[in-house]
Protein backbone atom coordinates (compact mmCIF):
# COMPACT_ATOMS: atom_id res chain seq x y z
CA MET A 1 -3.62 -88.20 -46.86
CA PRO A 2 -1.12 -86.60 -49.27
CA LEU A 3 2.49 -86.38 -48.13
CA SER A 4 5.15 -83.80 -48.97
CA LYS A 5 8.89 -84.15 -48.68
CA ILE A 6 11.14 -81.42 -47.29
CA THR A 7 13.94 -80.66 -49.75
CA THR A 8 17.54 -79.83 -48.87
CA ARG A 9 16.60 -76.14 -49.26
CA HIS A 10 13.78 -76.57 -46.68
CA GLN A 11 11.09 -76.30 -49.37
CA VAL A 12 7.78 -78.17 -49.22
CA THR A 13 5.38 -78.78 -52.12
CA ILE A 14 1.71 -78.21 -51.33
CA PRO A 15 -0.22 -81.21 -52.63
CA GLN A 16 -2.42 -80.39 -55.67
CA GLU A 17 -5.72 -81.27 -53.96
CA VAL A 18 -4.95 -78.94 -51.00
CA PHE A 19 -3.70 -76.22 -53.35
CA GLU A 20 -6.95 -76.37 -55.35
CA LYS A 21 -9.24 -76.67 -52.33
CA LEU A 22 -7.74 -73.49 -50.83
CA LYS A 23 -7.83 -71.78 -54.25
CA LEU A 24 -4.16 -70.84 -53.92
CA LYS A 25 -2.21 -69.24 -56.73
CA VAL A 26 1.48 -69.43 -57.61
CA GLY A 27 3.34 -66.51 -56.03
CA GLU A 28 0.96 -66.05 -53.10
CA HIS A 29 2.33 -65.93 -49.57
CA VAL A 30 1.64 -68.25 -46.66
CA LYS A 31 2.36 -67.73 -42.98
CA MET A 32 3.81 -70.71 -41.14
CA VAL A 33 3.76 -71.14 -37.36
CA GLU A 34 4.55 -74.02 -35.05
CA GLU A 35 1.72 -74.97 -32.73
CA LYS A 36 1.94 -77.95 -30.36
CA GLY A 37 4.45 -79.75 -32.56
CA LYS A 38 2.50 -79.10 -35.77
CA ILE A 39 3.12 -76.70 -38.65
CA ILE A 40 0.15 -74.43 -39.32
CA MET A 41 0.26 -72.87 -42.79
CA THR A 42 -2.19 -70.02 -43.51
CA PRO A 43 -2.63 -68.18 -46.84
CA GLN A 44 -1.84 -64.46 -46.49
CA GLN A 45 -2.62 -61.43 -48.60
CA VAL A 46 0.33 -59.07 -48.74
CA VAL A 47 -0.41 -55.45 -49.63
CA ALA A 48 2.35 -53.55 -51.31
CA ARG A 49 3.26 -50.32 -49.56
CA ALA A 50 3.33 -47.14 -51.55
CA PRO A 51 6.76 -45.60 -51.59
CA ALA A 52 7.15 -42.82 -49.02
CA ALA A 53 7.10 -39.33 -50.45
CA LYS A 54 10.36 -37.41 -50.34
CA LEU A 55 9.89 -34.28 -48.23
CA SER A 56 12.12 -31.24 -48.18
CA ALA A 57 13.34 -29.90 -44.83
CA GLN A 58 10.64 -27.21 -44.96
CA GLU A 59 7.96 -29.81 -45.74
CA GLN A 60 9.17 -31.95 -42.83
CA GLU A 61 8.74 -28.98 -40.48
CA LEU A 62 5.26 -28.31 -41.88
CA LEU A 63 4.41 -31.99 -41.43
CA GLN A 64 5.33 -31.85 -37.74
CA VAL A 65 3.05 -28.85 -37.22
CA ALA A 66 0.28 -30.58 -39.19
CA LYS A 67 0.61 -33.72 -37.04
CA GLN A 68 0.28 -31.67 -33.85
CA LYS A 69 -2.78 -29.82 -35.17
CA ILE A 70 -4.43 -33.05 -36.35
CA GLN A 71 -3.89 -34.65 -32.94
CA ALA A 72 -5.35 -31.56 -31.25
CA ILE A 73 -8.42 -31.63 -33.53
CA GLN A 74 -8.94 -35.32 -32.80
CA LYS A 75 -8.55 -34.76 -29.06
CA ASP A 76 -10.52 -31.51 -28.61
CA LEU A 77 -12.18 -30.18 -31.75
CA GLU A 78 -13.67 -27.13 -30.04
CA HIS A 79 -10.35 -25.78 -28.75
CA SER A 80 -8.09 -26.64 -31.66
CA THR A 81 -6.89 -24.87 -34.78
CA GLY A 82 -7.21 -26.10 -38.35
CA LEU A 83 -4.36 -26.52 -40.78
CA THR A 84 -3.11 -24.06 -43.36
CA LEU A 85 -3.33 -24.95 -47.05
CA GLU A 86 0.43 -25.66 -47.10
CA GLU A 87 0.08 -27.98 -44.08
CA THR A 88 -2.79 -29.92 -45.69
CA ASP A 89 -0.76 -30.27 -48.89
CA VAL A 90 2.22 -31.80 -47.11
CA ALA A 91 0.01 -33.93 -44.82
CA ALA A 92 -1.70 -35.38 -47.91
CA LYS A 93 1.65 -35.86 -49.67
CA ALA A 94 2.93 -37.80 -46.64
CA GLY A 95 -0.24 -39.92 -46.50
CA LEU A 96 -1.32 -38.49 -43.14
CA ILE A 97 -4.70 -37.33 -44.49
CA ASP A 98 -6.80 -38.26 -47.51
CA PRO A 99 -6.06 -35.82 -50.37
CA ASP A 100 -9.78 -35.70 -51.19
CA GLN A 101 -10.53 -34.48 -47.65
CA LYS A 102 -7.92 -31.73 -47.31
CA TYR A 103 -10.70 -29.12 -47.13
CA TRP A 104 -12.01 -30.61 -43.86
CA TRP A 105 -8.73 -30.00 -42.05
CA LEU A 106 -8.41 -26.35 -43.15
CA GLU A 107 -8.91 -23.65 -40.51
CA GLU A 108 -11.82 -22.16 -42.44
CA TRP A 109 -13.69 -25.47 -42.25
CA GLN A 110 -12.66 -26.17 -38.66
CA GLU A 111 -14.09 -22.79 -37.66
CA GLY A 112 -17.50 -24.03 -38.82
CA GLU A 113 -16.99 -27.35 -37.02
CA ARG A 114 -16.25 -25.50 -33.77
CA GLU A 115 -19.41 -23.40 -34.22
CA VAL A 116 -21.51 -26.53 -34.70
CA GLU A 117 -19.98 -28.08 -31.57
CA ARG A 118 -20.76 -24.92 -29.53
CA ASN A 119 -24.32 -24.79 -30.83
CA TYR A 120 -24.86 -28.44 -30.00
CA ARG A 121 -23.40 -28.08 -26.50
CA GLU A 122 -25.58 -25.00 -25.86
CA GLY A 123 -28.71 -26.67 -27.22
CA ASN A 124 -28.97 -24.28 -30.18
CA PHE A 125 -30.35 -26.76 -32.69
CA GLU A 126 -33.68 -28.07 -33.89
CA VAL A 127 -34.73 -31.69 -34.37
CA PHE A 128 -36.99 -32.57 -37.30
CA ASP A 129 -39.22 -35.62 -37.61
CA ASN A 130 -38.70 -35.87 -41.35
CA ALA A 131 -36.91 -34.33 -44.32
CA GLN A 132 -39.97 -32.41 -45.47
CA ASP A 133 -40.22 -30.51 -42.16
CA PHE A 134 -36.52 -29.71 -42.39
CA LEU A 135 -36.85 -28.39 -45.96
CA LYS A 136 -39.84 -26.21 -44.94
CA SER A 137 -37.71 -24.64 -42.19
CA LEU A 138 -35.07 -23.42 -44.64
CA LYS A 139 -35.18 -19.78 -45.55
CA PRO A 140 -34.54 -18.76 -49.15
CA LEU A 141 -31.19 -17.15 -49.88
CA PRO A 142 -31.29 -13.39 -50.48
CA SER A 143 -31.16 -12.41 -54.14
């Protein structure tokens, strides 16, 4: 069993065979906890945080409104209101929503989501056994 010595600066060297067996790399982090008189050391992956976006006072106000609307949508889609384009922009800038999905949070899109929810609740939908039956049911677009 390999031994390590604690230095005056409280440092411990991980024995080579343990280091290699765990496939550790120099610079990686380990978490250390005491458990029943023993030291448990566990390799950890640390993810760097992206720096927070600087928001103007107006953007901070828009962000608060966006947060409230997002919470309302998540709580009760059918009785909520979507975001404005400006609100989606600041919500994406702040990391509150995925920039690639801003469209989904817009009022125009949410209007369609509410319609789908109403239709579903009222039983106004059709179930198809397969994709071919669904495609046959589609009507051509007017020219």
